[in-house]
PDB file of N, CA and C in Angstrom:
ATOM      1  N   MET A   1     -78.007  53.839  94.312  1.00  0.00           N
ATOM      2  CA  MET A   1     -77.033  54.094  95.174  1.00  0.00           C
ATOM      3  C   MET A   1     -77.114  55.315  96.012  1.00  0.00           C
ATOM      4  N   ASN A   2     -77.880  56.347  95.609  1.00  0.00           N
ATOM      5  CA  ASN A   2     -77.805  57.473  96.399  1.00  0.00           C
ATOM      6  C   ASN A   2     -79.099  57.503  97.558  1.00  0.00           C
ATOM      7  N   GLN A   3     -79.771  56.450  97.507  1.00  0.00           N
ATOM      8  CA  GLN A   3     -80.910  56.256  98.509  1.00  0.00           C
ATOM      9  C   GLN A   3     -80.391  55.887  99.753  1.00  0.00           C
ATOM     10  N   GLU A   4     -81.096  56.207 100.777  1.00  0.00           N
ATOM     11  CA  GLU A   4     -80.678  55.685 102.224  1.00  0.00           C
ATOM     12  C   GLU A   4     -81.239  54.245 102.268  1.00  0.00           C
ATOM     13  N   ILE A   5     -80.563  53.414 103.201  1.00  0.00           N
ATOM     14  CA  ILE A   5     -80.942  51.998 103.237  1.00  0.00           C
ATOM     15  C   ILE A   5     -82.353  51.905 103.811  1.00  0.00           C
ATOM     16  N   ALA A   6     -82.885  52.758 104.558  1.00  0.00           N
ATOM     17  CA  ALA A   6     -84.085  52.781 105.162  1.00  0.00           C
ATOM     18  C   ALA A   6     -85.315  52.954 103.954  1.00  0.00           C
ATOM     19  N   TRP A   7     -84.851  53.492 102.884  1.00  0.00           N
ATOM     20  CA  TRP A   7     -85.891  53.586 101.799  1.00  0.00           C
ATOM     21  C   TRP A   7     -86.059  52.409 101.283  1.00  0.00           C
ATOM     22  N   PHE A   8     -85.075  51.431 101.195  1.00  0.00           N
ATOM     23  CA  PHE A   8     -85.360  50.070 100.601  1.00  0.00           C
ATOM     24  C   PHE A   8     -86.011  49.156 101.498  1.00  0.00           C
ATOM     25  N   ASP A   9     -86.004  49.423 102.790  1.00  0.00           N
ATOM     26  CA  ASP A   9     -86.830  48.819 103.783  1.00  0.00           C
ATOM     27  C   ASP A   9     -88.266  49.043 103.611  1.00  0.00           C
ATOM     28  N   SER A  10     -88.763  50.392 103.269  1.00  0.00           N
ATOM     29  CA  SER A  10     -90.091  50.703 103.206  1.00  0.00           C
ATOM     30  C   SER A  10     -90.583  50.529 101.776  1.00  0.00           C
ATOM     31  N   ILE A  11     -89.950  50.180 100.857  1.00  0.00           N
ATOM     32  CA  ILE A  11     -90.463  49.952  99.477  1.00  0.00           C
ATOM     33  C   ILE A  11     -90.241  48.303  99.082  1.00  0.00           C
ATOM     34  N   ASN A  12     -91.278  47.939  98.671  1.00  0.00           N
ATOM     35  CA  ASN A  12     -91.386  46.610  98.132  1.00  0.00           C
ATOM     36  C   ASN A  12     -90.603  46.539  96.853  1.00  0.00           C
ATOM     37  N   THR A  13     -89.620  45.626  96.644  1.00  0.00           N
ATOM     38  CA  THR A  13     -88.873  45.781  95.288  1.00  0.00           C
ATOM     39  C   THR A  13     -89.543  45.092  94.303  1.00  0.00           C
ATOM     40  N   SER A  14     -90.479  44.112  94.469  1.00  0.00           N
ATOM     41  CA  SER A  14     -91.077  43.463  93.537  1.00  0.00           C
ATOM     42  C   SER A  14     -92.326  44.246  92.963  1.00  0.00           C
ATOM     43  N   GLU A  15     -92.740  45.291  93.842  1.00  0.00           N
ATOM     44  CA  GLU A  15     -93.767  46.111  93.565  1.00  0.00           C
ATOM     45  C   GLU A  15     -93.416  47.093  92.179  1.00  0.00           C
ATOM     46  N   LEU A  16     -92.193  47.473  92.181  1.00  0.00           N
ATOM     47  CA  LEU A  16     -91.787  48.332  91.038  1.00  0.00           C
ATOM     48  C   LEU A  16     -91.598  47.563  89.803  1.00  0.00           C
ATOM     49  N   SER A  17     -91.363  46.331  89.828  1.00  0.00           N
ATOM     50  CA  SER A  17     -91.324  45.540  88.596  1.00  0.00           C
ATOM     51  C   SER A  17     -92.653  45.228  88.129  1.00  0.00           C
ATOM     52  N   GLN A  18     -93.531  44.989  88.942  1.00  0.00           N
ATOM     53  CA  GLN A  18     -94.950  44.662  88.606  1.00  0.00           C
ATOM     54  C   GLN A  18     -95.653  45.981  88.057  1.00  0.00           C
ATOM     55  N   ARG A  19     -95.326  47.076  88.519  1.00  0.00           N
ATOM     56  CA  ARG A  19     -95.898  48.369  87.982  1.00  0.00           C
ATOM     57  C   ARG A  19     -95.439  48.506  86.660  1.00  0.00           C
ATOM     58  N   LEU A  20     -94.059  48.412  86.439  1.00  0.00           N
ATOM     59  CA  LEU A  20     -93.543  48.558  85.113  1.00  0.00           C
ATOM     60  C   LEU A  20     -94.137  47.582  84.068  1.00  0.00           C
ATOM     61  N   SER A  21     -94.250  46.247  84.539  1.00  0.00           N
ATOM     62  CA  SER A  21     -94.729  45.436  83.562  1.00  0.00           C
ATOM     63  C   SER A  21     -96.268  45.630  83.220  1.00  0.00           C
ATOM     64  N   ASN A  22     -97.007  46.087  84.305  1.00  0.00           N
ATOM     65  CA  ASN A  22     -98.415  46.511  83.959  1.00  0.00           C
ATOM     66  C   ASN A  22     -98.471  47.748  82.878  1.00  0.00           C
ATOM     67  N   GLU A  23     -97.540  48.787  83.034  1.00  0.00           N
ATOM     68  CA  GLU A  23     -97.634  49.828  82.294  1.00  0.00           C
ATOM     69  C   GLU A  23     -97.066  49.532  80.998  1.00  0.00           C
ATOM     70  N   CYS A  24     -96.076  48.516  80.744  1.00  0.00           N
ATOM     71  CA  CYS A  24     -95.717  48.331  79.352  1.00  0.00           C
ATOM     72  C   CYS A  24     -96.993  47.404  78.577  1.00  0.00           C
ATOM     73  N   LEU A  25     -97.613  46.744  79.407  1.00  0.00           N
ATOM     74  CA  LEU A  25     -98.740  45.850  78.832  1.00  0.00           C
ATOM     75  C   LEU A  25     -99.828  46.868  78.341  1.00  0.00           C
ATOM     76  N   ALA A  26    -100.077  47.891  79.217  1.00  0.00           N
ATOM     77  CA  ALA A  26    -101.134  49.037  78.800  1.00  0.00           C
ATOM     78  C   ALA A  26    -100.699  49.672  77.587  1.00  0.00           C
ATOM     79  N   ILE A  27     -99.457  49.989  77.484  1.00  0.00           N
ATOM     80  CA  ILE A  27     -99.014  50.773  76.386  1.00  0.00           C
ATOM     81  C   ILE A  27     -99.105  49.861  75.117  1.00  0.00           C
ATOM     82  N   GLN A  28     -98.692  48.558  75.338  1.00  0.00           N
ATOM     83  CA  GLN A  28     -98.694  47.683  74.000  1.00  0.00           C
ATOM     84  C   GLN A  28    -100.165  47.441  73.726  1.00  0.00           C
ATOM     85  N   ARG A  29    -101.017  47.385  74.487  1.00  0.00           N
ATOM     86  CA  ARG A  29    -102.444  47.225  74.098  1.00  0.00           C
ATOM     87  C   ARG A  29    -103.019  48.506  73.435  1.00  0.00           C
ATOM     88  N   ALA A  30    -102.724  49.659  73.847  1.00  0.00           N
ATOM     89  CA  ALA A  30    -103.134  50.885  73.326  1.00  0.00           C
ATOM     90  C   ALA A  30    -102.565  51.174  71.902  1.00  0.00           C
ATOM     91  N   VAL A  31    -101.219  50.776  71.871  1.00  0.00           N
ATOM     92  CA  VAL A  31    -100.593  50.912  70.429  1.00  0.00           C
ATOM     93  C   VAL A  31    -101.255  49.951  69.394  1.00  0.00           C
ATOM     94  N   GLY A  32    -101.493  48.674  69.877  1.00  0.00           N
ATOM     95  CA  GLY A  32    -102.080  47.718  68.944  1.00  0.00           C
ATOM     96  C   GLY A  32    -103.400  48.080  68.496  1.00  0.00           C
ATOM     97  N   GLU A  33    -104.166  48.702  69.309  1.00  0.00           N
ATOM     98  CA  GLU A  33    -105.592  49.101  68.956  1.00  0.00           C
ATOM     99  C   GLU A  33    -105.460  50.199  67.955  1.00  0.00           C
ATOM    100  N   LYS A  34    -104.708  51.140  68.341  1.00  0.00           N
ATOM    101  CA  LYS A  34    -104.530  52.294  67.447  1.00  0.00           C
ATOM    102  C   LYS A  34    -104.021  51.994  65.915  1.00  0.00           C
ATOM    103  N   LEU A  35    -102.972  51.074  65.991  1.00  0.00           N
ATOM    104  CA  LEU A  35    -102.477  50.558  64.772  1.00  0.00           C
ATOM    105  C   LEU A  35    -103.517  49.902  63.901  1.00  0.00           C
ATOM    106  N   GLY A  36    -104.288  48.974  64.438  1.00  0.00           N
ATOM    107  CA  GLY A  36    -105.500  48.579  63.629  1.00  0.00           C
ATOM    108  C   GLY A  36    -106.577  49.473  63.041  1.00  0.00           C
ATOM    109  N   THR A  37    -106.743  50.435  63.988  1.00  0.00           N
ATOM    110  CA  THR A  37    -107.754  51.554  63.506  1.00  0.00           C
ATOM    111  C   THR A  37    -107.049  52.352  62.369  1.00  0.00           C
ATOM    112  N   ILE A  38    -105.765  52.562  62.387  1.00  0.00           N
ATOM    113  CA  ILE A  38    -105.115  53.272  61.422  1.00  0.00           C
ATOM    114  C   ILE A  38    -105.029  52.532  60.021  1.00  0.00           C
ATOM    115  N   ILE A  39    -104.985  51.192  60.113  1.00  0.00           N
ATOM    116  CA  ILE A  39    -104.852  50.406  58.936  1.00  0.00           C
ATOM    117  C   ILE A  39    -106.310  50.273  58.474  1.00  0.00           C
ATOM    118  N   LEU A  40    -107.203  50.299  59.180  1.00  0.00           N
ATOM    119  CA  LEU A  40    -108.736  50.184  58.741  1.00  0.00           C
ATOM    120  C   LEU A  40    -108.950  51.478  58.056  1.00  0.00           C
ATOM    121  N   SER A  41    -108.620  52.581  58.533  1.00  0.00           N
ATOM    122  CA  SER A  41    -108.895  54.035  57.959  1.00  0.00           C
ATOM    123  C   SER A  41    -108.148  53.966  56.483  1.00  0.00           C
ATOM    124  N   PHE A  42    -107.013  53.666  56.537  1.00  0.00           N
ATOM    125  CA  PHE A  42    -106.302  53.711  55.172  1.00  0.00           C
ATOM    126  C   PHE A  42    -106.919  52.767  54.160  1.00  0.00           C
ATOM    127  N   ALA A  43    -107.289  51.691  54.547  1.00  0.00           N
ATOM    128  CA  ALA A  43    -108.089  50.765  53.618  1.00  0.00           C
ATOM    129  C   ALA A  43    -109.300  51.060  53.270  1.00  0.00           C
ATOM    130  N   MET A  44    -110.056  51.855  54.014  1.00  0.00           N
ATOM    131  CA  MET A  44    -111.302  52.481  53.775  1.00  0.00           C
ATOM    132  C   MET A  44    -111.137  53.482  52.758  1.00  0.00           C
ATOM    133  N   SER A  45    -110.259  54.465  52.949  1.00  0.00           N
ATOM    134  CA  SER A  45    -109.778  55.548  52.051  1.00  0.00           C
ATOM    135  C   SER A  45    -109.510  55.003  50.682  1.00  0.00           C
ATOM    136  N   PHE A  46    -108.574  54.052  50.570  1.00  0.00           N
ATOM    137  CA  PHE A  46    -108.207  53.568  49.326  1.00  0.00           C
ATOM    138  C   PHE A  46    -109.325  52.756  48.704  1.00  0.00           C
ATOM    139  N   SER A  47    -109.964  52.120  49.287  1.00  0.00           N
ATOM    140  CA  SER A  47    -111.235  51.390  48.626  1.00  0.00           C
ATOM    141  C   SER A  47    -112.227  52.375  48.195  1.00  0.00           C
ATOM    142  N   GLY A  48    -112.416  53.438  49.043  1.00  0.00           N
ATOM    143  CA  GLY A  48    -113.377  54.426  48.411  1.00  0.00           C
ATOM    144  C   GLY A  48    -112.881  55.247  47.285  1.00  0.00           C
ATOM    145  N   LEU A  49    -111.578  55.453  47.198  1.00  0.00           N
ATOM    146  CA  LEU A  49    -111.010  56.052  45.964  1.00  0.00           C
ATOM    147  C   LEU A  49    -111.157  55.151  44.851  1.00  0.00           C
ATOM    148  N   PHE A  50    -110.889  53.843  44.978  1.00  0.00           N
ATOM    149  CA  PHE A  50    -110.966  52.918  43.880  1.00  0.00           C
ATOM    150  C   PHE A  50    -112.375  52.845  43.336  1.00  0.00           C
ATOM    151  N   PHE A  51    -113.361  52.835  44.335  1.00  0.00           N
ATOM    152  CA  PHE A  51    -114.756  52.723  43.860  1.00  0.00           C
ATOM    153  C   PHE A  51    -115.300  54.064  43.267  1.00  0.00           C
ATOM    154  N   SER A  52    -114.661  55.124  43.648  1.00  0.00           N
ATOM    155  CA  SER A  52    -115.004  56.324  42.910  1.00  0.00           C
ATOM    156  C   SER A  52    -114.513  56.529  41.595  1.00  0.00           C
ATOM    157  N   PHE A  53    -113.124  55.950  41.330  1.00  0.00           N
ATOM    158  CA  PHE A  53    -112.668  56.032  40.011  1.00  0.00           C
ATOM    159  C   PHE A  53    -113.523  54.971  39.139  1.00  0.00           C
ATOM    160  N   PHE A  54    -114.080  53.870  39.772  1.00  0.00           N
ATOM    161  CA  PHE A  54    -114.704  52.857  39.033  1.00  0.00           C
ATOM    162  C   PHE A  54    -116.081  53.467  38.527  1.00  0.00           C
ATOM    163  N   LYS A  55    -116.777  54.118  39.437  1.00  0.00           N
ATOM    164  CA  LYS A  55    -118.114  54.607  38.997  1.00  0.00           C
ATOM    165  C   LYS A  55    -118.005  55.894  38.094  1.00  0.00           C
ATOM    166  N   GLY A  56    -117.050  56.674  38.202  1.00  0.00           N
ATOM    167  CA  GLY A  56    -116.908  57.725  37.210  1.00  0.00           C
ATOM    168  C   GLY A  56    -116.085  58.766  37.815  1.00  0.00           C
ATOM    169  N   TRP A  57    -115.791  59.700  36.695  1.00  0.00           N
ATOM    170  CA  TRP A  57    -114.695  60.744  37.065  1.00  0.00           C
ATOM    171  C   TRP A  57    -115.405  61.690  38.142  1.00  0.00           C
ATOM    172  N   PHE A  58    -116.651  62.094  38.060  1.00  0.00           N
ATOM    173  CA  PHE A  58    -117.269  63.031  38.816  1.00  0.00           C
ATOM    174  C   PHE A  58    -117.147  62.452  40.408  1.00  0.00           C
ATOM    175  N   TYR A  59    -117.401  61.304  40.676  1.00  0.00           N
ATOM    176  CA  TYR A  59    -117.337  61.021  41.951  1.00  0.00           C
ATOM    177  C   TYR A  59    -115.861  60.910  42.565  1.00  0.00           C
ATOM    178  N   SER A  60    -114.895  60.642  41.721  1.00  0.00           N
ATOM    179  CA  SER A  60    -113.376  60.734  42.022  1.00  0.00           C
ATOM    180  C   SER A  60    -113.010  62.154  42.095  1.00  0.00           C
ATOM    181  N   ALA A  61    -113.474  62.995  41.502  1.00  0.00           N
ATOM    182  CA  ALA A  61    -113.184  64.574  41.675  1.00  0.00           C
ATOM    183  C   ALA A  61    -113.733  65.112  43.041  1.00  0.00           C
ATOM    184  N   ILE A  62    -114.785  64.673  43.238  1.00  0.00           N
ATOM    185  CA  ILE A  62    -115.368  65.050  44.709  1.00  0.00           C
ATOM    186  C   ILE A  62    -114.604  64.542  45.754  1.00  0.00           C
ATOM    187  N   LEU A  63    -114.191  63.242  45.518  1.00  0.00           N
ATOM    188  CA  LEU A  63    -113.424  62.625  46.695  1.00  0.00           C
ATOM    189  C   LEU A  63    -112.130  63.160  46.809  1.00  0.00           C
ATOM    190  N   LEU A  64    -111.360  63.376  45.759  1.00  0.00           N
ATOM    191  CA  LEU A  64    -109.868  63.925  45.809  1.00  0.00           C
ATOM    192  C   LEU A  64    -110.158  65.324  46.266  1.00  0.00           C
ATOM    193  N   CYS A  65    -111.073  66.135  46.213  1.00  0.00           N
ATOM    194  CA  CYS A  65    -111.273  67.485  46.756  1.00  0.00           C
ATOM    195  C   CYS A  65    -111.189  67.346  48.386  1.00  0.00           C
ATOM    196  N   TYR A  66    -111.779  66.321  48.889  1.00  0.00           N
ATOM    197  CA  TYR A  66    -111.778  66.190  50.268  1.00  0.00           C
ATOM    198  C   TYR A  66    -110.584  65.514  50.841  1.00  0.00           C
ATOM    199  N   PHE A  67    -109.692  64.908  50.051  1.00  0.00           N
ATOM    200  CA  PHE A  67    -108.449  64.363  50.678  1.00  0.00           C
ATOM    201  C   PHE A  67    -107.580  65.072  51.354  1.00  0.00           C
ATOM    202  N   PRO A  68    -107.188  66.454  50.912  1.00  0.00           N
ATOM    203  CA  PRO A  68    -106.471  67.386  51.752  1.00  0.00           C
ATOM    204  C   PRO A  68    -107.050  67.694  53.110  1.00  0.00           C
ATOM    205  N   ILE A  69    -108.338  67.805  53.219  1.00  0.00           N
ATOM    206  CA  ILE A  69    -109.063  68.224  54.350  1.00  0.00           C
ATOM    207  C   ILE A  69    -108.959  66.924  55.286  1.00  0.00           C
ATOM    208  N   MET A  70    -109.021  65.854  54.886  1.00  0.00           N
ATOM    209  CA  MET A  70    -109.033  64.599  55.759  1.00  0.00           C
ATOM    210  C   MET A  70    -107.399  64.508  56.165  1.00  0.00           C
ATOM    211  N   LEU A  71    -106.538  64.800  55.328  1.00  0.00           N
ATOM    212  CA  LEU A  71    -105.099  64.748  55.670  1.00  0.00           C
ATOM    213  C   LEU A  71    -104.863  65.687  56.722  1.00  0.00           C
ATOM    214  N   PHE A  72    -105.144  66.908  56.611  1.00  0.00           N
ATOM    215  CA  PHE A  72    -104.968  67.958  57.699  1.00  0.00           C
ATOM    216  C   PHE A  72    -105.579  67.438  58.989  1.00  0.00           C
ATOM    217  N   GLY A  73    -106.880  67.006  58.916  1.00  0.00           N
ATOM    218  CA  GLY A  73    -107.546  66.489  60.273  1.00  0.00           C
ATOM    219  C   GLY A  73    -106.786  65.224  60.842  1.00  0.00           C
ATOM    220  N   ALA A  74    -106.323  64.348  60.062  1.00  0.00           N
ATOM    221  CA  ALA A  74    -105.604  63.281  60.525  1.00  0.00           C
ATOM    222  C   ALA A  74    -104.201  63.919  61.258  1.00  0.00           C
ATOM    223  N   ILE A  75    -103.573  64.635  60.535  1.00  0.00           N
ATOM    224  CA  ILE A  75    -102.327  65.349  61.313  1.00  0.00           C
ATOM    225  C   ILE A  75    -102.637  66.025  62.596  1.00  0.00           C
ATOM    226  N   PHE A  76    -103.721  66.663  62.608  1.00  0.00           N
ATOM    227  CA  PHE A  76    -104.158  67.274  63.914  1.00  0.00           C
ATOM    228  C   PHE A  76    -104.505  66.386  64.837  1.00  0.00           C
ATOM    229  N   ILE A  77    -105.218  65.314  64.584  1.00  0.00           N
ATOM    230  CA  ILE A  77    -105.502  64.363  65.598  1.00  0.00           C
ATOM    231  C   ILE A  77    -104.122  63.510  65.896  1.00  0.00           C
ATOM    232  N   GLY A  78    -103.365  63.281  65.073  1.00  0.00           N
ATOM    233  CA  GLY A  78    -102.018  62.692  65.496  1.00  0.00           C
ATOM    234  C   GLY A  78    -101.184  63.458  66.247  1.00  0.00           C
ATOM    235  N   VAL A  79    -101.204  64.797  66.104  1.00  0.00           N
ATOM    236  CA  VAL A  79    -100.363  65.592  66.944  1.00  0.00           C
ATOM    237  C   VAL A  79    -101.187  65.734  68.329  1.00  0.00           C
ATOM    238  N   ALA A  80    -102.402  65.892  68.387  1.00  0.00           N
ATOM    239  CA  ALA A  80    -103.068  65.741  69.666  1.00  0.00           C
ATOM    240  C   ALA A  80    -102.878  64.581  70.441  1.00  0.00           C
ATOM    241  N   PHE A  81    -102.919  63.420  69.895  1.00  0.00           N
ATOM    242  CA  PHE A  81    -102.743  61.978  70.439  1.00  0.00           C
ATOM    243  C   PHE A  81    -101.212  62.083  71.120  1.00  0.00           C
ATOM    244  N   SER A  82    -100.596  62.459  70.350  1.00  0.00           N
ATOM    245  CA  SER A  82     -98.906  62.367  70.763  1.00  0.00           C
ATOM    246  C   SER A  82     -98.689  63.262  71.907  1.00  0.00           C
ATOM    247  N   ARG A  83     -99.407  64.536  71.861  1.00  0.00           N
ATOM    248  CA  ARG A  83     -99.159  65.437  72.995  1.00  0.00           C
ATOM    249  C   ARG A  83     -99.864  64.939  74.379  1.00  0.00           C
ATOM    250  N   GLY A  84    -101.032  64.445  74.067  1.00  0.00           N
ATOM    251  CA  GLY A  84    -101.790  63.764  75.229  1.00  0.00           C
ATOM    252  C   GLY A  84    -100.898  62.526  75.935  1.00  0.00           C
ATOM    253  N   PHE A  85    -100.359  61.640  74.919  1.00  0.00           N
ATOM    254  CA  PHE A  85     -99.640  60.659  75.412  1.00  0.00           C
ATOM    255  C   PHE A  85     -98.332  61.034  76.119  1.00  0.00           C
ATOM    256  N   SER A  86     -97.527  62.091  75.670  1.00  0.00           N
ATOM    257  CA  SER A  86     -96.520  62.503  76.316  1.00  0.00           C
ATOM    258  C   SER A  86     -96.816  63.176  77.731  1.00  0.00           C
ATOM    259  N   GLU A  87     -97.870  63.861  77.803  1.00  0.00           N
ATOM    260  CA  GLU A  87     -98.474  64.435  79.011  1.00  0.00           C
ATOM    261  C   GLU A  87     -98.854  63.369  80.001  1.00  0.00           C
ATOM    262  N   ASN A  88     -99.311  62.354  79.498  1.00  0.00           N
ATOM    263  CA  ASN A  88     -99.844  61.204  80.340  1.00  0.00           C
ATOM    264  C   ASN A  88     -98.569  60.589  80.941  1.00  0.00           C
ATOM    265  N   MET A  89     -97.574  60.233  80.039  1.00  0.00           N
ATOM    266  CA  MET A  89     -96.490  59.632  80.406  1.00  0.00           C
ATOM    267  C   MET A  89     -95.680  60.311  81.518  1.00  0.00           C
ATOM    268  N   ARG A  90     -95.649  61.731  81.229  1.00  0.00           N
ATOM    269  CA  ARG A  90     -94.932  62.783  82.103  1.00  0.00           C
ATOM    270  C   ARG A  90     -95.541  62.743  83.516  1.00  0.00           C
ATOM    271  N   ALA A  91     -96.860  62.636  83.509  1.00  0.00           N
ATOM    272  CA  ALA A  91     -97.735  62.599  84.800  1.00  0.00           C
ATOM    273  C   ALA A  91     -97.354  61.288  85.617  1.00  0.00           C
ATOM    274  N   TYR A  92     -97.117  60.150  84.842  1.00  0.00           N
ATOM    275  CA  TYR A  92     -96.979  58.902  85.558  1.00  0.00           C
ATOM    276  C   TYR A  92     -95.500  59.014  86.075  1.00  0.00           C
ATOM    277  N   GLY A  93     -94.459  59.525  85.194  1.00  0.00           N
ATOM    278  CA  GLY A  93     -93.111  59.580  85.758  1.00  0.00           C
ATOM    279  C   GLY A  93     -92.910  60.195  86.957  1.00  0.00           C
TER     280      GLY A  93
END
């Protein structure tokens, strides 16, 4: 309501809805791929833990020593992704 009427003459109204639709689809595809990767990573971690307990206590002790390192790495990567995503959305906005 604050725009001048000439602004609406120069802007195609269907272009905005098309851009929003494309951006929403891109975000949906990106989240879907990341979710699958996260589920795969957790499944691999838990199956590795299961097999290490199955093979012997020594393997499980070695694996459990590396879990905190992997956890901090995953947190770091998650924070980096969220910052990059928010900066990217701010740039598009």
